[in-house]
Structure formats: structure tokens, C-alpha cells
PDB file of N, CA and C in Angstrom:
ATOM      1  N   MET A   1    -137.103  84.570   6.186  1.00  0.00           N
ATOM      2  CA  MET A   1    -138.224  84.095   5.415  1.00  0.00           C
ATOM      3  C   MET A   1    -139.422  85.012   5.636  1.00  0.00           C
ATOM      4  N   SER A   2    -140.229  85.185   4.648  1.00  0.00           N
ATOM      5  CA  SER A   2    -141.369  86.080   4.713  1.00  0.00           C
ATOM      6  C   SER A   2    -142.483  85.479   5.554  1.00  0.00           C
ATOM      7  N   SER A   3    -143.177  86.351   6.295  1.00  0.00           N
ATOM      8  CA  SER A   3    -144.294  85.879   7.102  1.00  0.00           C
ATOM      9  C   SER A   3    -145.604  85.887   6.319  1.00  0.00           C
ATOM     10  N   VAL A   4    -145.572  86.362   5.068  1.00  0.00           N
ATOM     11  CA  VAL A   4    -146.765  86.382   4.233  1.00  0.00           C
ATOM     12  C   VAL A   4    -147.046  84.967   3.753  1.00  0.00           C
ATOM     13  N   GLN A   5    -148.264  84.505   3.999  1.00  0.00           N
ATOM     14  CA  GLN A   5    -148.635  83.141   3.655  1.00  0.00           C
ATOM     15  C   GLN A   5    -149.318  83.119   2.290  1.00  0.00           C
ATOM     16  N   PHE A   6    -149.054  82.069   1.527  1.00  0.00           N
ATOM     17  CA  PHE A   6    -149.660  81.887   0.212  1.00  0.00           C
ATOM     18  C   PHE A   6    -151.165  81.684   0.355  1.00  0.00           C
ATOM     19  N   GLN A   7    -151.939  82.418  -0.468  1.00  0.00           N
ATOM     20  CA  GLN A   7    -153.383  82.252  -0.473  1.00  0.00           C
ATOM     21  C   GLN A   7    -153.861  82.149  -1.914  1.00  0.00           C
ATOM     22  N   LEU A   8    -154.689  81.182  -2.180  1.00  0.00           N
ATOM     23  CA  LEU A   8    -155.175  80.918  -3.529  1.00  0.00           C
ATOM     24  C   LEU A   8    -155.918  82.097  -4.166  1.00  0.00           C
ATOM     25  N   PRO A   9    -156.717  82.874  -3.445  1.00  0.00           N
ATOM     26  CA  PRO A   9    -157.398  84.008  -4.093  1.00  0.00           C
ATOM     27  C   PRO A   9    -156.458  85.083  -4.632  1.00  0.00           C
ATOM     28  N   ASN A  10    -155.188  85.090  -4.187  1.00  0.00           N
ATOM     29  CA  ASN A  10    -154.231  86.092  -4.660  1.00  0.00           C
ATOM     30  C   ASN A  10    -153.615  85.736  -6.008  1.00  0.00           C
ATOM     31  N   ILE A  11    -153.884  84.546  -6.522  1.00  0.00           N
ATOM     32  CA  ILE A  11    -153.302  84.113  -7.792  1.00  0.00           C
ATOM     33  C   ILE A  11    -153.889  84.937  -8.924  1.00  0.00           C
ATOM     34  N   ARG A  12    -153.010  85.557  -9.731  1.00  0.00           N
ATOM     35  CA  ARG A  12    -153.440  86.362 -10.870  1.00  0.00           C
ATOM     36  C   ARG A  12    -152.917  85.815 -12.197  1.00  0.00           C
ATOM     37  N   PHE A  13    -151.933  84.917 -12.138  1.00  0.00           N
ATOM     38  CA  PHE A  13    -151.338  84.364 -13.361  1.00  0.00           C
ATOM     39  C   PHE A  13    -150.995  82.905 -13.113  1.00  0.00           C
ATOM     40  N   VAL A  14    -151.343  82.045 -14.080  1.00  0.00           N
ATOM     41  CA  VAL A  14    -151.031  80.617 -13.989  1.00  0.00           C
ATOM     42  C   VAL A  14    -150.224  80.222 -15.213  1.00  0.00           C
ATOM     43  N   LYS A  15    -149.081  79.603 -14.981  1.00  0.00           N
ATOM     44  CA  LYS A  15    -148.238  79.077 -16.053  1.00  0.00           C
ATOM     45  C   LYS A  15    -148.428  77.573 -16.096  1.00  0.00           C
ATOM     46  N   ARG A  16    -148.750  77.056 -17.281  1.00  0.00           N
ATOM     47  CA  ARG A  16    -148.967  75.616 -17.484  1.00  0.00           C
ATOM     48  C   ARG A  16    -147.748  75.079 -18.214  1.00  0.00           C
ATOM     49  N   ILE A  17    -147.032  74.135 -17.595  1.00  0.00           N
ATOM     50  CA  ILE A  17    -145.796  73.604 -18.163  1.00  0.00           C
ATOM     51  C   ILE A  17    -145.940  72.095 -18.333  1.00  0.00           C
ATOM     52  N   VAL A  18    -145.791  71.616 -19.574  1.00  0.00           N
ATOM     53  CA  VAL A  18    -145.867  70.189 -19.883  1.00  0.00           C
ATOM     54  C   VAL A  18    -144.468  69.599 -19.809  1.00  0.00           C
ATOM     55  N   VAL A  19    -144.309  68.545 -19.008  1.00  0.00           N
ATOM     56  CA  VAL A  19    -143.032  67.849 -18.883  1.00  0.00           C
ATOM     57  C   VAL A  19    -143.247  66.417 -19.356  1.00  0.00           C
ATOM     58  N   GLY A  20    -142.663  66.088 -20.492  1.00  0.00           N
ATOM     59  CA  GLY A  20    -142.822  64.757 -21.071  1.00  0.00           C
ATOM     60  C   GLY A  20    -143.386  64.855 -22.479  1.00  0.00           C
ATOM     61  N   ASN A  21    -143.710  63.715 -23.044  1.00  0.00           N
ATOM     62  CA  ASN A  21    -144.226  63.649 -24.411  1.00  0.00           C
ATOM     63  C   ASN A  21    -145.744  63.505 -24.381  1.00  0.00           C
ATOM     64  N   ASP A  22    -146.423  64.508 -24.906  1.00  0.00           N
ATOM     65  CA  ASP A  22    -147.878  64.489 -24.918  1.00  0.00           C
ATOM     66  C   ASP A  22    -148.459  64.315 -26.319  1.00  0.00           C
ATOM     67  N   ASN A  23    -147.604  64.257 -27.335  1.00  0.00           N
ATOM     68  CA  ASN A  23    -148.074  64.140 -28.712  1.00  0.00           C
ATOM     69  C   ASN A  23    -147.199  63.126 -29.451  1.00  0.00           C
ATOM     70  N   PRO A  24    -147.770  61.994 -29.855  1.00  0.00           N
ATOM     71  CA  PRO A  24    -146.940  60.979 -30.530  1.00  0.00           C
ATOM     72  C   PRO A  24    -146.462  61.425 -31.911  1.00  0.00           C
ATOM     73  N   GLN A  25    -147.112  62.411 -32.498  1.00  0.00           N
ATOM     74  CA  GLN A  25    -146.700  62.919 -33.807  1.00  0.00           C
ATOM     75  C   GLN A  25    -145.531  63.894 -33.706  1.00  0.00           C
ATOM     76  N   ASN A  26    -145.337  64.455 -32.518  1.00  0.00           N
ATOM     77  CA  ASN A  26    -144.277  65.439 -32.310  1.00  0.00           C
ATOM     78  C   ASN A  26    -143.574  65.114 -30.993  1.00  0.00           C
ATOM     79  N   MET A  27    -142.701  64.117 -31.024  1.00  0.00           N
ATOM     80  CA  MET A  27    -142.005  63.677 -29.811  1.00  0.00           C
ATOM     81  C   MET A  27    -140.968  64.724 -29.393  1.00  0.00           C
ATOM     82  N   ARG A  28    -140.922  64.984 -28.099  1.00  0.00           N
ATOM     83  CA  ARG A  28    -139.948  65.937 -27.569  1.00  0.00           C
ATOM     84  C   ARG A  28    -138.630  65.232 -27.308  1.00  0.00           C
ATOM     85  N   THR A  29    -137.551  65.964 -27.511  1.00  0.00           N
ATOM     86  CA  THR A  29    -136.224  65.416 -27.243  1.00  0.00           C
ATOM     87  C   THR A  29    -135.960  65.478 -25.735  1.00  0.00           C
ATOM     88  N   GLU A  30    -134.929  64.781 -25.313  1.00  0.00           N
ATOM     89  CA  GLU A  30    -134.553  64.795 -23.897  1.00  0.00           C
ATOM     90  C   GLU A  30    -134.172  66.204 -23.455  1.00  0.00           C
ATOM     91  N   GLU A  31    -133.552  66.972 -24.351  1.00  0.00           N
ATOM     92  CA  GLU A  31    -133.175  68.348 -24.019  1.00  0.00           C
ATOM     93  C   GLU A  31    -134.409  69.217 -23.790  1.00  0.00           C
ATOM     94  N   GLU A  32    -135.462  69.029 -24.593  1.00  0.00           N
ATOM     95  CA  GLU A  32    -136.686  69.798 -24.422  1.00  0.00           C
ATOM     96  C   GLU A  32    -137.383  69.444 -23.110  1.00  0.00           C
ATOM     97  N   VAL A  33    -137.380  68.170 -22.758  1.00  0.00           N
ATOM     98  CA  VAL A  33    -137.977  67.740 -21.492  1.00  0.00           C
ATOM     99  C   VAL A  33    -137.183  68.312 -20.324  1.00  0.00           C
ATOM    100  N   ASN A  34    -135.855  68.292 -20.419  1.00  0.00           N
ATOM    101  CA  ASN A  34    -135.013  68.870 -19.361  1.00  0.00           C
ATOM    102  C   ASN A  34    -135.216  70.377 -19.254  1.00  0.00           C
ATOM    103  N   ALA A  35    -135.400  71.060 -20.395  1.00  0.00           N
ATOM    104  CA  ALA A  35    -135.651  72.504 -20.376  1.00  0.00           C
ATOM    105  C   ALA A  35    -136.981  72.814 -19.699  1.00  0.00           C
ATOM    106  N   ALA A  36    -138.003  71.993 -19.941  1.00  0.00           N
ATOM    107  CA  ALA A  36    -139.300  72.188 -19.289  1.00  0.00           C
ATOM    108  C   ALA A  36    -139.175  71.997 -17.779  1.00  0.00           C
ATOM    109  N   MET A  37    -138.427  70.989 -17.355  1.00  0.00           N
ATOM    110  CA  MET A  37    -138.234  70.755 -15.921  1.00  0.00           C
ATOM    111  C   MET A  37    -137.422  71.881 -15.295  1.00  0.00           C
ATOM    112  N   ALA A  38    -136.448  72.422 -16.028  1.00  0.00           N
ATOM    113  CA  ALA A  38    -135.675  73.560 -15.526  1.00  0.00           C
ATOM    114  C   ALA A  38    -136.573  74.783 -15.356  1.00  0.00           C
ATOM    115  N   LEU A  39    -137.549  74.964 -16.256  1.00  0.00           N
ATOM    116  CA  LEU A  39    -138.481  76.076 -16.129  1.00  0.00           C
ATOM    117  C   LEU A  39    -139.370  75.900 -14.899  1.00  0.00           C
ATOM    118  N   VAL A  40    -139.794  74.678 -14.628  1.00  0.00           N
ATOM    119  CA  VAL A  40    -140.571  74.408 -13.407  1.00  0.00           C
ATOM    120  C   VAL A  40    -139.746  74.801 -12.187  1.00  0.00           C
ATOM    121  N   ASN A  41    -138.492  74.372 -12.142  1.00  0.00           N
ATOM    122  CA  ASN A  41    -137.620  74.697 -11.004  1.00  0.00           C
ATOM    123  C   ASN A  41    -137.393  76.202 -10.884  1.00  0.00           C
ATOM    124  N   GLN A  42    -137.231  76.888 -12.023  1.00  0.00           N
ATOM    125  CA  GLN A  42    -137.047  78.335 -12.011  1.00  0.00           C
ATOM    126  C   GLN A  42    -138.291  79.021 -11.446  1.00  0.00           C
ATOM    127  N   CYS A  43    -139.463  78.568 -11.862  1.00  0.00           N
ATOM    128  CA  CYS A  43    -140.711  79.169 -11.374  1.00  0.00           C
ATOM    129  C   CYS A  43    -140.896  78.986  -9.873  1.00  0.00           C
ATOM    130  N   LEU A  44    -140.382  77.891  -9.336  1.00  0.00           N
ATOM    131  CA  LEU A  44    -140.558  77.606  -7.909  1.00  0.00           C
ATOM    132  C   LEU A  44    -139.469  78.207  -7.027  1.00  0.00           C
ATOM    133  N   SER A  45    -138.363  78.673  -7.646  1.00  0.00           N
ATOM    134  CA  SER A  45    -137.256  79.145  -6.820  1.00  0.00           C
ATOM    135  C   SER A  45    -136.948  80.634  -6.976  1.00  0.00           C
ATOM    136  N   GLU A  46    -137.237  81.231  -8.141  1.00  0.00           N
ATOM    137  CA  GLU A  46    -136.906  82.638  -8.341  1.00  0.00           C
ATOM    138  C   GLU A  46    -138.066  83.529  -7.921  1.00  0.00           C
ATOM    139  N   LEU A  47    -137.757  84.802  -7.723  1.00  0.00           N
ATOM    140  CA  LEU A  47    -138.788  85.757  -7.321  1.00  0.00           C
ATOM    141  C   LEU A  47    -139.458  86.361  -8.538  1.00  0.00           C
ATOM    142  N   PRO A  48    -140.747  86.576  -8.561  1.00  0.00           N
ATOM    143  CA  PRO A  48    -141.697  86.154  -7.552  1.00  0.00           C
ATOM    144  C   PRO A  48    -141.877  84.643  -7.589  1.00  0.00           C
ATOM    145  N   ARG A  49    -141.937  84.031  -6.440  1.00  0.00           N
ATOM    146  CA  ARG A  49    -142.038  82.574  -6.349  1.00  0.00           C
ATOM    147  C   ARG A  49    -143.427  82.106  -6.710  1.00  0.00           C
ATOM    148  N   GLY A  50    -143.454  81.061  -7.515  1.00  0.00           N
ATOM    149  CA  GLY A  50    -144.716  80.438  -7.848  1.00  0.00           C
ATOM    150  C   GLY A  50    -145.025  79.300  -6.893  1.00  0.00           C
ATOM    151  N   HIS A  51    -146.264  78.873  -6.934  1.00  0.00           N
ATOM    152  CA  HIS A  51    -146.716  77.761  -6.100  1.00  0.00           C
ATOM    153  C   HIS A  51    -147.447  76.774  -6.994  1.00  0.00           C
ATOM    154  N   ILE A  52    -147.177  75.502  -6.801  1.00  0.00           N
ATOM    155  CA  ILE A  52    -147.878  74.480  -7.571  1.00  0.00           C
ATOM    156  C   ILE A  52    -149.316  74.436  -7.078  1.00  0.00           C
ATOM    157  N   ILE A  53    -150.243  74.719  -7.989  1.00  0.00           N
ATOM    158  CA  ILE A  53    -151.658  74.695  -7.610  1.00  0.00           C
ATOM    159  C   ILE A  53    -152.369  73.481  -8.208  1.00  0.00           C
ATOM    160  N   GLY A  54    -151.658  72.750  -9.067  1.00  0.00           N
ATOM    161  CA  GLY A  54    -152.242  71.539  -9.624  1.00  0.00           C
ATOM    162  C   GLY A  54    -151.229  70.774 -10.449  1.00  0.00           C
ATOM    163  N   ILE A  55    -151.362  69.455 -10.455  1.00  0.00           N
ATOM    164  CA  ILE A  55    -150.523  68.591 -11.282  1.00  0.00           C
ATOM    165  C   ILE A  55    -151.454  67.634 -12.012  1.00  0.00           C
ATOM    166  N   GLU A  56    -151.351  67.643 -13.336  1.00  0.00           N
ATOM    167  CA  GLU A  56    -152.126  66.710 -14.155  1.00  0.00           C
ATOM    168  C   GLU A  56    -151.194  65.565 -14.542  1.00  0.00           C
ATOM    169  N   LYS A  57    -151.577  64.348 -14.214  1.00  0.00           N
ATOM    170  CA  LYS A  57    -150.792  63.172 -14.578  1.00  0.00           C
ATOM    171  C   LYS A  57    -151.551  62.459 -15.693  1.00  0.00           C
ATOM    172  N   ASN A  58    -150.932  62.362 -16.862  1.00  0.00           N
ATOM    173  CA  ASN A  58    -151.610  61.820 -18.028  1.00  0.00           C
ATOM    174  C   ASN A  58    -150.780  60.731 -18.694  1.00  0.00           C
ATOM    175  N   PHE A  59    -151.468  59.862 -19.400  1.00  0.00           N
ATOM    176  CA  PHE A  59    -150.781  58.890 -20.234  1.00  0.00           C
ATOM    177  C   PHE A  59    -151.682  58.585 -21.423  1.00  0.00           C
ATOM    178  N   GLY A  60    -151.058  58.117 -22.472  1.00  0.00           N
ATOM    179  CA  GLY A  60    -151.808  57.736 -23.662  1.00  0.00           C
ATOM    180  C   GLY A  60    -151.237  56.458 -24.231  1.00  0.00           C
ATOM    181  N   LEU A  61    -152.096  55.612 -24.748  1.00  0.00           N
ATOM    182  CA  LEU A  61    -151.697  54.359 -25.388  1.00  0.00           C
ATOM    183  C   LEU A  61    -151.963  54.526 -26.875  1.00  0.00           C
ATOM    184  N   TYR A  62    -150.912  54.476 -27.685  1.00  0.00           N
ATOM    185  CA  TYR A  62    -151.017  54.747 -29.112  1.00  0.00           C
ATOM    186  C   TYR A  62    -150.503  53.562 -29.920  1.00  0.00           C
ATOM    187  N   ASN A  63    -151.110  53.339 -31.065  1.00  0.00           N
ATOM    188  CA  ASN A  63    -150.632  52.350 -32.023  1.00  0.00           C
ATOM    189  C   ASN A  63    -149.905  53.093 -33.137  1.00  0.00           C
ATOM    190  N   ILE A  64    -148.626  52.830 -33.242  1.00  0.00           N
ATOM    191  CA  ILE A  64    -147.812  53.429 -34.296  1.00  0.00           C
ATOM    192  C   ILE A  64    -147.284  52.280 -35.136  1.00  0.00           C
ATOM    193  N   GLY A  65    -147.866  52.113 -36.313  1.00  0.00           N
ATOM    194  CA  GLY A  65    -147.519  50.960 -37.141  1.00  0.00           C
ATOM    195  C   GLY A  65    -147.962  49.696 -36.438  1.00  0.00           C
ATOM    196  N   GLU A  66    -147.038  48.776 -36.230  1.00  0.00           N
ATOM    197  CA  GLU A  66    -147.342  47.523 -35.550  1.00  0.00           C
ATOM    198  C   GLU A  66    -147.033  47.584 -34.053  1.00  0.00           C
ATOM    199  N   HIS A  67    -146.588  48.735 -33.583  1.00  0.00           N
ATOM    200  CA  HIS A  67    -146.141  48.864 -32.199  1.00  0.00           C
ATOM    201  C   HIS A  67    -147.148  49.637 -31.360  1.00  0.00           C
ATOM    202  N   GLN A  68    -147.257  49.246 -30.100  1.00  0.00           N
ATOM    203  CA  GLN A  68    -148.016  50.022 -29.132  1.00  0.00           C
ATOM    204  C   GLN A  68    -147.038  50.842 -28.308  1.00  0.00           C
ATOM    205  N   VAL A  69    -147.349  52.117 -28.165  1.00  0.00           N
ATOM    206  CA  VAL A  69    -146.481  53.031 -27.439  1.00  0.00           C
ATOM    207  C   VAL A  69    -147.289  53.675 -26.313  1.00  0.00           C
ATOM    208  N   VAL A  70    -146.696  53.724 -25.125  1.00  0.00           N
ATOM    209  CA  VAL A  70    -147.311  54.409 -23.996  1.00  0.00           C
ATOM    210  C   VAL A  70    -146.518  55.685 -23.747  1.00  0.00           C
ATOM    211  N   LEU A  71    -147.222  56.818 -23.794  1.00  0.00           N
ATOM    212  CA  LEU A  71    -146.595  58.103 -23.502  1.00  0.00           C
ATOM    213  C   LEU A  71    -147.135  58.610 -22.175  1.00  0.00           C
ATOM    214  N   GLN A  72    -146.226  59.038 -21.303  1.00  0.00           N
ATOM    215  CA  GLN A  72    -146.613  59.579 -20.012  1.00  0.00           C
ATOM    216  C   GLN A  72    -146.053  60.987 -19.901  1.00  0.00           C
ATOM    217  N   TYR A  73    -146.848  61.862 -19.294  1.00  0.00           N
ATOM    218  CA  TYR A  73    -146.372  63.222 -19.093  1.00  0.00           C
ATOM    219  C   TYR A  73    -147.104  63.856 -17.918  1.00  0.00           C
ATOM    220  N   LEU A  74    -146.482  64.888 -17.368  1.00  0.00           N
ATOM    221  CA  LEU A  74    -147.048  65.668 -16.274  1.00  0.00           C
ATOM    222  C   LEU A  74    -147.259  67.094 -16.760  1.00  0.00           C
ATOM    223  N   VAL A  75    -148.298  67.713 -16.260  1.00  0.00           N
ATOM    224  CA  VAL A  75    -148.535  69.126 -16.524  1.00  0.00           C
ATOM    225  C   VAL A  75    -148.576  69.826 -15.177  1.00  0.00           C
ATOM    226  N   TYR A  76    -147.632  70.745 -14.984  1.00  0.00           N
ATOM    227  CA  TYR A  76    -147.578  71.520 -13.746  1.00  0.00           C
ATOM    228  C   TYR A  76    -148.313  72.836 -13.961  1.00  0.00           C
ATOM    229  N   ASN A  77    -149.257  73.137 -13.091  1.00  0.00           N
ATOM    230  CA  ASN A  77    -149.940  74.420 -13.086  1.00  0.00           C
ATOM    231  C   ASN A  77    -149.370  75.215 -11.920  1.00  0.00           C
ATOM    232  N   ILE A  78    -148.614  76.260 -12.251  1.00  0.00           N
ATOM    233  CA  ILE A  78    -147.907  77.038 -11.244  1.00  0.00           C
ATOM    234  C   ILE A  78    -148.533  78.423 -11.181  1.00  0.00           C
ATOM    235  N   GLY A  79    -149.001  78.796 -10.005  1.00  0.00           N
ATOM    236  CA  GLY A  79    -149.686  80.073  -9.826  1.00  0.00           C
ATOM    237  C   GLY A  79    -148.772  81.137  -9.250  1.00  0.00           C
ATOM    238  N   PHE A  80    -148.977  82.370  -9.724  1.00  0.00           N
ATOM    239  CA  PHE A  80    -148.208  83.532  -9.280  1.00  0.00           C
ATOM    240  C   PHE A  80    -149.168  84.658  -8.921  1.00  0.00           C
ATOM    241  N   GLU A  81    -148.722  85.534  -8.027  1.00  0.00           N
ATOM    242  CA  GLU A  81    -149.510  86.726  -7.719  1.00  0.00           C
ATOM    243  C   GLU A  81    -149.417  87.737  -8.850  1.00  0.00           C
ATOM    244  N   ARG A  82    -148.318  87.713  -9.599  1.00  0.00           N
ATOM    245  CA  ARG A  82    -148.155  88.542 -10.800  1.00  0.00           C
ATOM    246  C   ARG A  82    -147.251  87.795 -11.764  1.00  0.00           C
ATOM    247  N   LYS A  83    -147.332  88.132 -13.039  1.00  0.00           N
ATOM    248  CA  LYS A  83    -146.541  87.435 -14.044  1.00  0.00           C
ATOM    249  C   LYS A  83    -145.063  87.801 -13.898  1.00  0.00           C
ATOM    250  N   PRO A  84    -144.189  86.801 -13.741  1.00  0.00           N
ATOM    251  CA  PRO A  84    -142.756  87.085 -13.599  1.00  0.00           C
ATOM    252  C   PRO A  84    -142.147  87.638 -14.890  1.00  0.00           C
ATOM    253  N   MET A  85    -141.147  88.478 -14.726  1.00  0.00           N
ATOM    254  CA  MET A  85    -140.465  89.080 -15.885  1.00  0.00           C
ATOM    255  C   MET A  85    -139.781  88.020 -16.733  1.00  0.00           C
ATOM    256  N   TYR A  86    -139.223  86.974 -16.132  1.00  0.00           N
ATOM    257  CA  TYR A  86    -138.514  85.959 -16.906  1.00  0.00           C
ATOM    258  C   TYR A  86    -139.459  85.163 -17.786  1.00  0.00           C
ATOM    259  N   LEU A  87    -140.749  85.152 -17.505  1.00  0.00           N
ATOM    260  CA  LEU A  87    -141.708  84.477 -18.390  1.00  0.00           C
ATOM    261  C   LEU A  87    -142.124  85.383 -19.547  1.00  0.00           C
ATOM    262  N   GLU A  88    -141.991  86.685 -19.385  1.00  0.00           N
ATOM    263  CA  GLU A  88    -142.327  87.634 -20.457  1.00  0.00           C
ATOM    264  C   GLU A  88    -141.231  87.685 -21.515  1.00  0.00           C
ATOM    265  N   GLN A  89    -140.051  87.180 -21.200  1.00  0.00           N
ATOM    266  CA  GLN A  89    -138.912  87.264 -22.094  1.00  0.00           C
ATOM    267  C   GLN A  89    -138.832  86.103 -23.062  1.00  0.00           C
ATOM    268  N   GLY A  90    -139.960  85.488 -23.411  1.00  0.00           N
ATOM    269  CA  GLY A  90    -139.926  84.466 -24.445  1.00  0.00           C
ATOM    270  C   GLY A  90    -140.461  83.119 -24.056  1.00  0.00           C
ATOM    271  N   ASN A  91    -140.882  82.902 -22.837  1.00  0.00           N
ATOM    272  CA  ASN A  91    -141.424  81.602 -22.447  1.00  0.00           C
ATOM    273  C   ASN A  91    -142.917  81.639 -22.496  1.00  0.00           C
TER     274      ASN A  91
END
């Protein structure tokens, strides 16, 4: 394991990943939510390794027709010392 310790001033790139449904007009499928969670796991496990620098926990109460719907989602802010190549390839 590396002896270099994570330091916040070294962060040069932040990836913001939404996991869950944040827009009642455009609901995400289960596959899209799973893909977002897989991207979070990839960012935390592959090199260069990212570090979670913030988590936004949100919910919204919406009226759709006669129904009330509660949408909950998390936003992971993952910081890197440099932008990973796998994020440049289309994410």
C-alpha cells in the first residue's frame, strides 16, 4: 500500500455522479441506476483512485396527477488528483 496520504488541496478534478431518480419527468431505469453505482465503484477502486469528498442526500415530494411521489437520490462528489482516462472515454 502507498504511504502517500490523501490531501484535499491536491484535488484537481471532481466527478459528480447522481445515483437515483432526481427528475420526475425523466425517471431513470434500474439499469441506469446500477450503471451509476458501478461508476462510483470504478472511481473508488481503479487507478488513479478517487476519494469521496462529499455526498449530497436529496429527496423531492412531487404531485403527479392524483398521486404523491417521493424521489430520493444521492450525489457522490469524487475527487481525483488528475482526471482518469476511463472518464475521458465517454463518461
